[in-house]
Amino acid sequence: MTDEIIGTSSVLDKEKVMDVKNNFREEEYAEISLGVGLFLGMSKVLIAFGLEPEDMQTTLLPTPGSEQKKV
């Protein structure tokens, strides 16, 4: 599910979401989802401000609904 959240610009695959929901309690599912979302958002902020470590490899993924800028 984490890979789907980070690498997909569309609705999550329902089968994978159901697999996670079947293996985790509702509270755990919410915590995983929010945690991934917060880390993804914070990484975008750090990269936008140029605050990521110099030796960190970055992969540019477009935000849904926006045009990807060339860096």
Protein backbone atom coordinates (compact mmCIF):
# COMPACT_ATOMS: atom_id res chain seq x y z
CA MET A 1 0.00 0.00 0.00
CA THR A 2 2.89 2.36 0.76
CA ASP A 3 4.26 1.88 -2.76
CA GLU A 4 0.80 2.61 -4.15
CA ILE A 5 0.47 5.84 -2.13
CA ILE A 6 3.92 7.09 -3.09
CA GLY A 7 4.14 5.95 -6.69
CA THR A 8 0.60 6.27 -7.98
CA SER A 9 -1.22 9.39 -9.04
CA SER A 10 -4.60 7.69 -9.12
CA VAL A 11 -6.97 5.90 -6.78
CA LEU A 12 -5.39 3.07 -4.81
CA ASP A 13 -5.94 -0.48 -6.02
CA LYS A 14 -8.97 -1.71 -4.03
CA GLU A 15 -7.61 -5.27 -3.79
CA LYS A 16 -4.40 -4.06 -2.10
CA VAL A 17 -6.31 -1.77 0.23
CA MET A 18 -8.59 -4.66 1.25
CA ASP A 19 -5.54 -6.87 1.83
CA VAL A 20 -4.12 -4.28 4.23
CA LYS A 21 -7.49 -3.78 5.93
CA ASN A 22 -7.82 -7.55 6.38
CA ASN A 23 -4.38 -7.78 8.04
CA PHE A 24 -4.43 -4.68 10.25
CA ARG A 25 -6.89 -3.23 12.71
CA GLU A 26 -8.68 -0.03 11.64
CA GLU A 27 -6.45 2.03 13.94
CA GLU A 28 -3.30 0.51 12.40
CA TYR A 29 -4.60 1.08 8.87
CA ALA A 30 -5.27 4.73 9.70
CA GLU A 31 -1.85 5.14 11.32
CA ILE A 32 -0.03 3.61 8.34
CA SER A 33 -1.99 5.74 5.86
CA LEU A 34 -1.49 8.99 7.77
CA GLY A 35 2.16 8.23 8.47
CA VAL A 36 2.96 7.61 4.81
CA GLY A 37 1.03 10.73 3.80
CA LEU A 38 2.84 12.91 6.34
CA PHE A 39 6.29 11.60 5.39
CA LEU A 40 5.52 12.04 1.68
CA GLY A 41 4.33 15.60 2.24
CA MET A 42 7.33 16.50 4.41
CA SER A 43 9.76 15.07 1.87
CA LYS A 44 8.20 17.25 -0.84
CA VAL A 45 8.59 20.33 1.40
CA LEU A 46 12.23 19.54 2.21
CA ILE A 47 13.08 18.96 -1.45
CA ALA A 48 11.24 22.14 -2.52
CA PHE A 49 13.35 24.16 -0.07
CA GLY A 50 16.55 22.32 -1.05
CA LEU A 51 16.99 20.88 2.44
CA GLU A 52 17.49 17.22 1.56
CA PRO A 53 20.96 15.75 2.20
CA GLU A 54 23.30 16.26 -0.77
CA ASP A 55 24.08 12.54 -1.00
CA MET A 56 20.39 11.54 -0.97
CA GLN A 57 19.11 10.08 -4.22
CA THR A 58 15.81 11.65 -5.22
CA THR A 59 13.14 10.50 -7.61
CA LEU A 60 10.84 13.15 -9.03
CA LEU A 61 7.21 12.09 -9.21
CA PRO A 62 4.61 14.57 -10.38
CA THR A 63 1.91 15.59 -7.95
CA PRO A 64 -1.46 14.62 -9.40
CA GLY A 65 -2.99 17.54 -11.28
CA SER A 66 0.26 19.44 -11.71
CA GLU A 67 2.78 19.62 -14.48
CA GLN A 68 6.21 18.12 -13.76
CA LYS A 69 8.93 20.76 -13.83
CA LYS A 70 12.33 19.90 -15.25
CA VAL A 71 15.13 20.27 -12.71
